[in-house]
Protein backbone atom coordinates (compact mmCIF):
# COMPACT_ATOMS: atom_id res chain seq x y z
CA MET A 1 4.45 2.58 33.63
CA THR A 2 6.52 0.73 31.21
CA PHE A 3 5.79 -1.72 28.35
CA SER A 4 7.53 -4.62 26.77
CA PRO A 5 7.60 -4.29 23.01
CA LEU A 6 4.62 -6.80 22.35
CA SER A 7 2.61 -5.55 25.33
CA HIS A 8 3.07 -1.99 24.10
CA THR A 9 1.90 -2.71 20.48
CA PHE A 10 -0.95 -5.02 21.60
CA SER A 11 -2.19 -2.32 24.08
CA VAL A 12 -1.93 0.43 21.44
CA ALA A 13 -4.16 -1.76 19.14
CA CYS A 14 -6.58 -2.43 22.09
CA LEU A 15 -6.80 1.24 22.85
CA ALA A 16 -7.23 2.25 19.23
CA CYS A 17 -9.97 -0.35 18.83
CA ALA A 18 -11.81 1.07 21.87
CA ILE A 19 -11.53 4.70 21.04
CA GLU A 20 -12.65 4.22 17.41
CA ALA A 21 -15.72 2.03 18.55
CA ALA A 22 -16.67 4.58 21.01
CA PHE A 23 -16.03 7.87 19.06
CA GLY A 24 -15.29 7.06 15.38
CA TYR A 25 -13.65 9.93 13.50
CA PRO A 26 -15.09 13.16 14.60
CA ASN A 27 -16.83 15.17 11.80
CA TRP A 28 -15.36 18.41 13.08
CA LEU A 29 -11.88 16.94 12.76
CA PHE A 30 -12.57 15.78 9.27
CA ARG A 31 -13.80 19.33 8.33
CA LYS A 32 -10.74 20.80 9.86
CA ILE A 33 -7.91 18.63 8.49
CA GLY A 34 -9.36 15.82 6.39
CA HIS A 35 -8.55 12.27 7.09
CA PRO A 36 -5.19 10.45 7.16
CA VAL A 37 -6.19 8.12 4.34
CA MET A 38 -6.90 11.29 2.20
CA TRP A 39 -3.36 12.36 2.88
CA ILE A 40 -1.95 8.96 1.77
CA GLY A 41 -4.17 9.17 -1.21
CA ALA A 42 -3.06 12.49 -2.19
CA LEU A 43 0.60 11.26 -2.14
CA ILE A 44 -0.53 8.24 -4.41
CA ALA A 45 -2.18 10.51 -6.85
CA ARG A 46 0.99 12.51 -7.09
CA LEU A 47 3.18 9.50 -7.58
CA ASP A 48 0.72 8.37 -10.28
CA ARG A 49 0.96 11.56 -12.23
CA SER A 50 4.63 11.66 -11.96
CA LEU A 51 5.93 8.07 -12.54
CA ASN A 52 2.97 6.50 -14.47
CA ARG A 53 3.70 7.61 -18.18
CA SER A 54 1.46 6.13 -20.82
CA HIS A 55 4.27 6.27 -23.39
CA ASP A 56 6.49 4.12 -21.22
CA SER A 57 6.74 0.34 -21.82
CA ALA A 58 4.87 -1.99 -19.55
CA PHE A 59 8.05 -2.95 -17.93
CA ARG A 60 9.02 0.82 -17.15
CA GLN A 61 5.43 1.31 -15.85
CA ARG A 62 5.77 -1.66 -13.51
CA LEU A 63 9.13 -0.45 -12.36
CA GLY A 64 7.54 3.01 -11.69
CA GLY A 65 4.88 1.32 -9.71
CA ILE A 66 7.46 -0.46 -7.62
CA VAL A 67 9.35 2.76 -7.00
CA SER A 68 6.09 4.50 -5.97
CA LEU A 69 5.10 1.66 -3.68
CA ALA A 70 8.62 1.87 -1.96
CA ILE A 71 8.10 5.65 -1.42
CA LEU A 72 4.64 5.21 -0.26
CA PHE A 73 5.57 2.36 2.05
CA GLY A 74 8.63 4.12 3.42
CA LEU A 75 7.75 7.87 3.77
CA PRO A 76 4.61 7.73 5.93
CA THR A 77 5.87 4.98 7.96
CA LEU A 78 9.14 6.87 8.63
CA ILE A 79 7.29 10.02 9.60
CA ILE A 80 5.15 8.07 12.09
CA TYR A 81 8.18 6.12 13.50
CA THR A 82 10.04 9.41 14.02
CA ALA A 83 6.93 11.06 15.58
CA ILE A 84 6.66 8.18 18.06
CA GLN A 85 10.30 8.59 19.09
CA ALA A 86 9.62 12.17 19.70
CA LEU A 87 6.57 11.31 21.94
CA ASP A 88 8.63 8.97 23.94
CA LEU A 89 11.18 11.79 24.48
CA LEU A 90 8.50 14.43 25.31
CA PHE A 91 5.89 12.70 27.32
CA PRO A 92 5.69 10.01 30.12
CA PRO A 93 5.03 6.48 28.75
CA LEU A 94 1.29 6.48 29.52
CA VAL A 95 0.59 9.75 27.80
CA ALA A 96 2.57 8.71 24.78
CA TRP A 97 0.65 5.46 24.58
CA GLY A 98 -2.56 7.37 24.81
CA ILE A 99 -1.60 9.52 22.01
CA GLU A 100 -0.55 6.59 19.88
CA GLY A 101 -3.79 4.88 20.54
CA ALA A 102 -5.78 7.96 19.51
CA VAL A 103 -3.87 8.43 16.29
CA GLY A 104 -4.16 4.65 15.57
CA SER A 105 -7.96 4.91 15.96
CA THR A 106 -8.18 7.19 12.89
CA LEU A 107 -6.84 4.23 10.72
CA ILE A 108 -9.61 1.80 11.51
CA ALA A 109 -13.30 1.97 10.59
CA GLN A 110 -15.47 -0.09 12.92
CA ARG A 111 -17.96 2.82 13.58
CA SER A 112 -18.02 4.23 10.06
CA LEU A 113 -18.64 0.90 8.57
CA TRP A 114 -21.43 0.20 10.84
CA GLU A 115 -22.97 3.60 9.98
CA HIS A 116 -22.67 3.24 6.19
CA VAL A 117 -24.26 -0.19 6.15
CA ARG A 118 -26.90 0.68 8.56
CA ALA A 119 -27.84 3.51 6.13
CA VAL A 120 -28.67 1.04 3.51
CA HIS A 121 -30.90 -0.82 5.84
CA THR A 122 -32.51 2.50 7.00
CA GLY A 123 -32.93 3.65 3.40
CA LEU A 124 -34.63 0.44 2.27
CA GLN A 125 -36.93 0.45 5.28
CA GLU A 126 -38.00 4.02 5.01
CA SER A 127 -37.89 4.97 1.49
CA GLY A 128 -37.59 1.80 -0.58
CA VAL A 129 -35.07 0.35 -3.14
CA ALA A 130 -34.01 3.82 -4.69
CA ALA A 131 -32.73 5.07 -1.29
CA GLY A 132 -31.10 1.67 -0.72
CA ARG A 133 -29.24 2.09 -4.07
CA LYS A 134 -28.08 5.56 -3.15
CA ALA A 135 -26.69 4.44 0.16
CA VAL A 136 -24.98 1.22 -1.09
CA SER A 137 -23.33 3.36 -3.93
CA MET A 138 -21.26 4.88 -1.13
CA ILE A 139 -19.54 1.58 -0.17
CA VAL A 140 -19.44 -0.50 -3.33
CA GLY A 141 -17.94 -0.06 -6.74
CA ARG A 142 -20.66 -1.80 -8.79
CA ASP A 143 -23.53 0.09 -10.67
CA PRO A 144 -26.33 0.19 -8.16
CA GLU A 145 -28.97 0.89 -10.90
CA GLN A 146 -28.35 -2.71 -12.00
CA LEU A 147 -29.45 -4.04 -8.59
CA ASP A 148 -32.94 -4.95 -7.24
CA GLU A 149 -33.63 -4.93 -3.52
CA ALA A 150 -32.13 -8.39 -2.91
CA GLY A 151 -28.97 -7.31 -4.99
CA VAL A 152 -28.62 -4.04 -2.86
CA ILE A 153 -28.67 -6.10 0.32
CA ARG A 154 -26.26 -8.81 -0.88
CA ALA A 155 -23.94 -5.85 -2.01
CA ALA A 156 -24.21 -4.28 1.45
CA ILE A 157 -23.42 -7.48 3.25
CA GLU A 158 -20.53 -8.27 0.94
CA SER A 159 -19.00 -4.80 1.58
CA LEU A 160 -19.59 -5.26 5.42
CA ALA A 161 -17.70 -8.55 5.42
CA GLU A 162 -15.00 -7.46 3.04
CA ASN A 163 -14.28 -4.05 4.78
CA PHE A 164 -14.50 -5.88 8.24
CA SER A 165 -11.44 -7.64 6.97
CA ASP A 166 -9.32 -4.91 5.31
CA GLY A 167 -10.75 -1.99 7.23
CA ILE A 168 -10.64 -3.26 10.75
CA VAL A 169 -9.12 -6.72 11.37
CA ALA A 170 -6.05 -6.22 9.19
CA PRO A 171 -5.03 -2.80 10.37
CA LEU A 172 -5.37 -3.98 13.91
CA PHE A 173 -3.37 -7.12 13.30
CA TRP A 174 -0.47 -5.03 11.99
CA THR A 175 -0.92 -2.59 14.72
CA ALA A 176 -0.65 -5.34 17.29
CA LEU A 177 2.51 -6.66 15.75
CA PHE A 178 4.32 -3.31 14.93
CA GLY A 179 2.46 -0.55 16.60
CA LEU A 180 1.40 2.51 14.77
CA PRO A 181 4.21 2.26 12.09
CA GLY A 182 2.57 -1.16 11.06
CA THR A 183 -0.88 0.47 10.74
CA THR A 184 0.48 3.28 8.67
CA ALA A 185 2.43 0.80 6.36
CA TYR A 186 -0.67 -1.25 5.90
CA LYS A 187 -2.99 1.57 5.16
CA SER A 188 -0.43 3.02 2.66
CA ILE A 189 -0.51 -0.43 0.88
CA ASN A 190 -4.18 -0.95 1.07
CA THR A 191 -5.01 2.70 -0.10
CA ALA A 192 -2.57 2.13 -2.94
CA ASP A 193 -4.38 -1.01 -4.03
CA SER A 194 -7.85 0.74 -3.94
CA MET A 195 -6.60 3.58 -6.07
CA ILE A 196 -4.07 2.03 -8.66
CA GLY A 197 -4.36 -1.81 -8.13
CA HIS A 198 -7.16 -2.19 -10.62
CA LEU A 199 -6.62 -3.92 -13.91
CA THR A 200 -7.52 -0.83 -15.94
CA PRO A 201 -5.29 0.01 -18.91
CA ARG A 202 -3.66 2.96 -17.14
CA HIS A 203 -2.83 0.95 -13.96
CA LYS A 204 -2.48 -2.68 -15.12
CA ALA A 205 1.24 -2.49 -15.07
CA PHE A 206 1.79 0.40 -12.75
CA GLY A 207 -0.40 -1.05 -10.02
CA TRP A 208 0.83 -4.51 -10.22
CA ALA A 209 3.15 -4.27 -7.21
CA SER A 210 0.42 -2.58 -5.08
CA ALA A 211 -2.10 -5.26 -5.93
CA LYS A 212 0.29 -8.15 -5.14
CA LEU A 213 1.53 -6.60 -1.91
CA ASP A 214 -1.92 -5.80 -0.72
CA ASP A 215 -2.92 -9.49 -1.39
CA LEU A 216 -0.03 -10.55 0.85
CA VAL A 217 -0.71 -8.11 3.81
CA ASN A 218 -4.43 -8.85 3.91
CA LEU A 219 -3.78 -12.60 4.12
CA PRO A 220 -3.70 -12.87 7.89
CA GLY A 221 -6.55 -10.40 8.43
CA SER A 222 -8.98 -12.18 6.06
CA ARG A 223 -8.36 -15.46 7.81
CA LEU A 224 -8.88 -13.77 11.32
CA SER A 225 -11.97 -11.99 10.21
CA ALA A 226 -13.55 -15.34 9.23
CA LEU A 227 -12.65 -16.71 12.62
CA TRP A 228 -14.35 -13.75 14.44
CA ILE A 229 -17.44 -14.08 12.20
CA PHE A 230 -17.45 -17.89 12.98
CA LEU A 231 -17.03 -17.16 16.64
CA ALA A 232 -19.77 -14.50 16.64
CA ALA A 233 -22.25 -16.76 14.91
CA PHE A 234 -22.31 -18.80 18.07
CA THR A 235 -23.90 -15.99 19.86
CA ILE A 236 -26.47 -14.70 17.38
CA PRO A 237 -29.90 -16.32 17.38
CA GLY A 238 -30.49 -17.77 14.04
CA ALA A 239 -26.91 -17.60 12.89
CA ASN A 240 -25.22 -20.92 11.93
CA SER A 241 -21.55 -21.25 12.79
CA THR A 242 -21.36 -24.79 11.30
CA ASN A 243 -22.49 -23.49 7.92
CA ALA A 244 -20.02 -20.56 8.30
CA PHE A 245 -17.21 -23.01 8.77
CA ARG A 246 -18.38 -25.23 5.71
CA ALA A 247 -18.80 -22.29 3.49
CA VAL A 248 -15.22 -20.99 4.21
CA ARG A 249 -13.81 -24.44 3.78
CA ARG A 250 -15.63 -25.04 0.53
CA ASP A 251 -16.05 -21.68 -1.19
CA ALA A 252 -13.32 -19.10 0.09
CA ARG A 253 -10.56 -20.33 -2.16
CA ASN A 254 -12.89 -19.98 -5.28
CA HIS A 255 -13.46 -16.28 -4.96
CA ARG A 256 -11.51 -14.11 -7.55
CA SER A 257 -9.80 -12.43 -4.67
CA PRO A 258 -7.40 -14.58 -2.51
CA ASN A 259 -8.64 -12.74 0.74
CA ALA A 260 -12.23 -11.28 0.34
CA GLY A 261 -13.73 -14.88 0.00
CA TRP A 262 -13.06 -15.75 3.58
CA PRO A 263 -15.17 -13.16 5.53
CA GLU A 264 -17.82 -13.34 2.66
CA ALA A 265 -18.04 -17.03 2.77
CA ALA A 266 -18.18 -16.88 6.61
CA MET A 267 -20.97 -14.32 6.45
CA ALA A 268 -22.90 -16.12 3.78
CA GLY A 269 -22.71 -19.40 5.72
CA ALA A 270 -23.75 -17.97 8.95
CA LEU A 271 -26.77 -16.15 7.55
CA GLY A 272 -27.84 -18.90 5.15
CA LEU A 273 -27.29 -16.71 2.13
CA LYS A 274 -25.28 -16.98 -1.22
CA LEU A 275 -23.09 -13.79 -1.66
CA ALA A 276 -20.72 -12.59 -4.34
CA GLY A 277 -21.41 -14.52 -7.69
CA PRO A 278 -21.82 -12.74 -11.12
CA ARG A 279 -21.85 -8.85 -10.69
CA VAL A 280 -21.54 -5.78 -12.89
CA TYR A 281 -18.66 -3.34 -12.48
CA ASP A 282 -18.41 -0.30 -14.91
CA GLY A 283 -20.80 -2.15 -17.31
CA ILE A 284 -18.53 -5.27 -17.37
CA LEU A 285 -19.97 -8.54 -16.04
CA VAL A 286 -17.63 -10.29 -13.64
CA ASN A 287 -18.30 -14.06 -13.25
CA ASP A 288 -17.23 -14.63 -9.71
CA SER A 289 -18.15 -17.82 -7.78
CA TRP A 290 -20.85 -17.93 -5.17
CA MET A 291 -20.05 -17.88 -1.55
CA GLY A 292 -22.47 -19.95 0.42
CA ASP A 293 -25.19 -22.07 -0.74
CA GLY A 294 -28.23 -20.48 0.88
CA ARG A 295 -30.70 -18.00 -0.53
CA ALA A 296 -29.81 -15.32 -3.03
CA THR A 297 -33.05 -13.38 -2.27
CA ALA A 298 -31.67 -11.51 0.78
CA THR A 299 -34.05 -9.46 2.77
CA ALA A 300 -33.74 -6.35 5.02
CA ASN A 301 -33.85 -8.61 8.06
CA ASP A 302 -30.78 -10.50 6.69
CA LEU A 303 -28.91 -7.13 6.50
CA TRP A 304 -29.79 -6.25 10.01
CA ARG A 305 -28.69 -9.72 11.19
CA ALA A 306 -25.44 -9.22 9.26
CA LEU A 307 -24.88 -6.01 11.23
CA GLN A 308 -25.45 -7.64 14.51
CA LEU A 309 -23.06 -10.41 13.57
CA TYR A 310 -20.39 -7.68 12.41
CA ARG A 311 -20.87 -5.89 15.82
CA ARG A 312 -20.51 -9.13 17.78
CA ALA A 313 -17.46 -10.07 15.73
CA CYS A 314 -15.86 -6.69 16.54
CA ILE A 315 -16.40 -7.30 20.22
CA PHE A 316 -14.82 -10.75 20.12
CA GLN A 317 -11.78 -9.09 18.33
CA GLY A 318 -11.55 -6.33 20.95
CA VAL A 319 -11.75 -8.77 23.81
CA ALA A 320 -8.97 -10.91 22.14
CA LEU A 321 -6.81 -7.79 22.00
CA ALA A 322 -7.45 -7.00 25.51
CA VAL A 323 -6.68 -10.48 26.71
CA LEU A 324 -3.48 -10.75 24.79
CA SER A 325 -2.38 -7.30 25.75
CA GLY A 326 -2.81 -8.31 29.47
CA LEU A 327 -0.99 -11.67 28.89
CA PHE A 328 2.03 -9.90 27.38
CA CYS A 329 2.19 -7.52 30.35
CA ILE A 330 2.55 -10.30 32.73
């Protein structure tokens, strides 16, 4: 069995999507070897310690961040590219394809995102707002003690929407274009942004390049994630695809992030909610714009509807990957 370049990369993305949806990342494997993102994170932390010196000027810190990003982008991607070449030499094409898909599945998070957000719903339903705060603290950066029940639910839905984009849609997009090296490069950039891309005194200059490049590589995924949510809203009773489209068109560009507003606005509009808005991070009030013009008093039922919408959006994406993979094989 042979593949053309695009049929190969799309089929790897399709296989990775299916494997991760079915199995996730096994706990036994995590206990044994950790997770690939943890390995990338360890490299970022080492580069941060080595090249981000507090006594350097802002220019030198920014230059150090650019050098770090080049190493981070190049080294893991080169390792994966070399490994794929070895796979192609050692195994038949079908076996090599299966291994690539299995490895690629470790760099997306459909199943784990579902489980983390569902834990918020379960906590609220079974043990009340304190349990909901504890569960949501695992997936958001804001102080959960500042949140009432509606705030916990909105935070969970916002995290679901944003992570659908940068944890699932974006890595699969880059996999479909460039195969496993594309996934690896994307996850390296995205992990760097999450670790050093914040506007803290230590990382304001050093993390500048990571934050800017992350904005760029997430641009296609954020738009696609809004599309999948919009299409999924057609199939969910009570969801409103027209409002999802309107919210994206009106509100997405007003978000403080150039990308997060797209899936958040689509989710807000589809569910008849208001998401984002003013929030507290590390004791600092962030005055963000509202996404959507519905209710701010979100309920546990809204969170469950968001999970159903998310799952249906994942199915739409998986079907699209399968169809495109088949078309490129023709």
